[in-house]
Protein backbone atom coordinates (compact mmCIF):
# COMPACT_ATOMS: atom_id res chain seq x y z
CA MET A 1 43.42 109.52 -79.89
CA GLY A 2 45.09 110.99 -76.85
CA GLY A 3 45.10 114.36 -78.48
CA ALA A 4 48.36 113.82 -80.14
CA VAL A 5 49.38 116.67 -82.50
CA TYR A 6 51.25 115.61 -85.42
CA ILE A 7 53.56 117.90 -87.23
CA THR A 8 52.85 118.60 -90.76
CA PRO A 9 55.18 118.34 -93.67
CA GLU A 10 55.14 121.84 -94.29
CA GLU A 11 56.31 122.54 -90.64
CA LEU A 12 59.12 120.05 -91.02
CA MET A 13 60.18 121.78 -94.08
CA ALA A 14 60.27 125.11 -92.68
CA GLY A 15 63.06 124.28 -90.39
CA GLY A 16 65.32 124.25 -93.31
CA HIS A 17 64.59 127.91 -94.16
CA ALA A 18 65.24 129.16 -90.65
CA ALA A 19 68.32 131.37 -90.20
CA TYR A 20 70.28 132.05 -87.03
CA ASP A 21 72.41 135.10 -86.23
CA VAL A 22 75.68 133.85 -84.76
CA ASP A 23 78.06 136.15 -82.80
CA VAL A 24 81.65 135.71 -83.97
CA PRO A 25 84.25 136.81 -81.61
CA ALA A 26 86.61 139.60 -82.80
CA TYR A 27 89.76 137.44 -82.30
CA LEU A 28 88.47 135.35 -85.11
CA TRP A 29 88.01 137.97 -87.67
CA GLN A 30 89.97 141.12 -86.76
CA GLN A 31 92.88 142.09 -88.78
CA GLY A 32 96.12 143.67 -87.87
CA ASP A 33 98.07 142.76 -84.73
CA VAL A 34 97.25 139.49 -82.95
CA VAL A 35 94.15 140.01 -80.73
CA ASP A 36 94.11 137.65 -77.71
CA GLU A 37 90.88 136.13 -76.84
CA ALA A 38 90.77 137.76 -73.27
CA ALA A 39 91.25 141.14 -74.53
CA ALA A 40 88.50 140.62 -77.23
CA GLY A 41 86.09 139.25 -74.61
CA ARG A 42 86.75 142.42 -72.51
CA VAL A 43 86.14 144.90 -75.40
CA GLY A 44 82.99 143.16 -76.26
CA SER A 45 83.99 143.28 -79.99
CA SER A 46 82.05 140.69 -82.02
CA ALA A 47 80.28 140.58 -85.34
CA LYS A 48 77.39 138.66 -86.58
CA VAL A 49 77.01 136.20 -89.38
CA ARG A 50 73.74 134.63 -90.51
CA LEU A 51 73.74 130.93 -90.90
CA ARG A 52 71.02 128.54 -91.98
CA PRO A 53 70.81 124.78 -91.17
CA LEU A 54 72.30 122.40 -93.86
CA THR A 55 69.32 120.20 -95.46
CA VAL A 56 69.69 116.77 -96.60
CA LYS A 57 70.20 117.88 -100.09
CA ASP A 58 73.02 120.18 -98.95
CA ILE A 59 74.83 117.25 -97.27
CA GLN A 60 74.26 115.12 -100.26
CA ILE A 61 75.87 117.68 -102.54
CA ILE A 62 78.79 118.29 -100.12
CA ALA A 63 79.34 114.64 -99.78
CA LYS A 64 79.55 114.00 -103.49
CA ALA A 65 81.58 116.96 -104.25
CA ALA A 66 84.06 116.73 -101.35
CA ARG A 67 84.29 112.99 -101.07
CA ASP A 68 86.80 112.41 -98.14
CA ASP A 69 88.42 115.77 -98.39
CA GLU A 70 87.73 117.28 -94.87
CA VAL A 71 88.93 120.80 -95.91
CA LEU A 72 86.88 120.85 -98.89
CA THR A 73 84.02 119.68 -96.86
CA SER A 74 84.27 122.37 -94.37
CA MET A 75 84.47 124.92 -97.13
CA LEU A 76 81.30 123.77 -98.93
CA MET A 77 79.42 123.66 -95.57
CA ILE A 78 80.28 127.29 -94.96
CA GLN A 79 79.47 128.21 -98.58
CA ARG A 80 76.05 126.43 -98.44
CA ALA A 81 74.97 127.57 -94.87
CA MET A 82 76.20 131.30 -94.94
CA VAL A 83 73.40 133.52 -95.52
CA GLU A 84 74.69 136.94 -94.60
CA PRO A 85 77.43 137.64 -95.79
CA ALA A 86 77.02 135.23 -98.89
CA VAL A 87 80.46 133.86 -99.70
CA LYS A 88 81.93 132.26 -102.76
CA GLN A 89 84.18 129.08 -102.36
CA ALA A 90 87.30 131.17 -103.16
CA GLN A 91 86.53 133.50 -100.26
CA VAL A 92 85.90 130.68 -97.72
CA ALA A 93 89.43 129.30 -98.83
CA GLU A 94 90.92 132.61 -97.76
CA LEU A 95 89.35 132.65 -94.19
CA PRO A 96 91.58 132.00 -91.12
CA SER A 97 91.36 128.34 -90.12
CA GLY A 98 90.19 129.01 -86.60
CA LEU A 99 87.25 131.11 -88.18
CA VAL A 100 86.44 128.20 -90.21
CA ALA A 101 86.50 125.75 -87.45
CA PHE A 102 84.32 128.01 -85.52
CA LEU A 103 81.79 128.38 -88.26
CA VAL A 104 81.75 124.61 -89.11
CA GLU A 105 81.00 123.80 -85.34
CA ARG A 106 78.14 126.31 -85.38
CA ILE A 107 76.69 124.88 -88.76
CA ASN A 108 76.81 121.43 -87.45
CA ARG A 109 75.08 122.64 -84.19
CA ILE A 110 72.21 124.52 -85.91
CA SER A 111 71.72 121.68 -88.36
CA GLY A 112 71.35 119.11 -85.88
CA LEU A 113 74.67 117.34 -86.68
CA THR A 114 76.29 117.50 -83.39
CA THR A 115 75.88 115.75 -79.86
CA THR A 116 75.95 117.70 -76.60
CA ASP A 117 77.88 116.46 -73.70
CA ASP A 118 74.67 115.44 -71.97
CA GLN A 119 73.63 113.57 -75.03
CA LEU A 120 76.78 111.56 -75.03
CA LEU A 121 76.53 110.69 -71.55
CA ALA A 122 72.89 109.59 -72.04
CA LEU A 123 74.00 107.38 -75.19
CA ARG A 124 76.93 105.98 -73.13
CA ASP A 125 74.39 104.97 -70.34
CA SER A 126 71.77 103.56 -72.70
CA PRO A 127 71.11 99.84 -72.24
CA LEU A 128 71.83 99.03 -75.89
CA VAL A 129 75.20 100.74 -75.76
CA GLN A 130 75.94 98.97 -72.52
CA ALA A 131 75.04 95.56 -74.23
CA PHE A 132 77.23 96.30 -77.10
CA PHE A 133 80.26 97.11 -74.98
CA VAL A 134 79.75 93.85 -72.84
CA LEU A 135 79.44 91.66 -75.98
CA ALA A 136 82.42 93.33 -77.55
CA ARG A 137 84.49 92.79 -74.57
CA GLU A 138 83.28 89.35 -73.72
CA PHE A 139 83.46 87.75 -77.13
CA SER A 140 86.32 90.10 -78.55
CA TRP A 141 84.06 91.16 -81.13
CA THR A 142 84.64 94.43 -83.31
CA PRO A 143 81.94 97.15 -83.22
CA GLU A 144 80.83 96.05 -87.00
CA GLN A 145 80.35 92.57 -85.51
CA VAL A 146 78.38 93.59 -82.73
CA ARG A 147 76.30 96.14 -84.80
CA ALA A 148 75.35 93.44 -87.29
CA LEU A 149 73.49 91.50 -84.50
CA THR A 150 69.76 91.52 -84.22
CA VAL A 151 68.04 92.59 -81.17
CA GLY A 152 67.07 88.97 -80.49
CA GLN A 153 70.66 87.81 -80.94
CA ILE A 154 71.91 90.55 -78.65
CA LEU A 155 69.42 89.34 -75.83
CA GLY A 156 70.22 85.88 -76.52
CA TYR A 157 74.12 86.41 -75.93
CA LEU A 158 73.30 88.55 -72.95
CA GLU A 159 71.22 85.84 -71.39
CA MET A 160 74.06 83.44 -72.02
CA LEU A 161 76.55 85.52 -70.31
CA ASN A 162 74.30 86.21 -67.46
CA ALA A 163 73.62 82.37 -67.04
CA ARG A 164 77.54 81.68 -67.09
CA LYS A 165 78.00 84.26 -64.46
CA THR A 166 75.39 83.09 -62.13
CA GLY A 167 76.11 79.36 -62.74
CA THR A 168 72.84 78.62 -64.35
CA ALA A 169 74.09 77.65 -67.78
CA LYS A 170 73.00 74.55 -69.33
């Protein structure tokens, strides 16, 4: 049927075992005097860490353990994703905050939990998001109210607005 090739469950699961070497700029990990970012870039000082993507199971464990504590969430993300060097939660707690933010951003990226600028622009320009915006603006609805609508309801309200604007409303 059209030569479609479907991915196997084993291939899907293999992505959870991937590991990525990430360059960490020196200014985030060097000790001693403050190293400015530009100087670190000129010297080329960096080191690598190896990270793996978070799995659904990891995210469930982190969400349950951390609840709404963003700091604990970040610490657990790093602990679960850092392959080399392996770190304990107490060690993660001692990391500089800039390094933690850098690692969490990289973990989110390799885990598919972030959106690129191009993806955000495409989402903004998508017909469904445009429809949500129009309905929220025209009817003073909250995002939750618009999100609760079915596709049929969205189309019906959009048609009603269009008829009102073109003067063909009944």
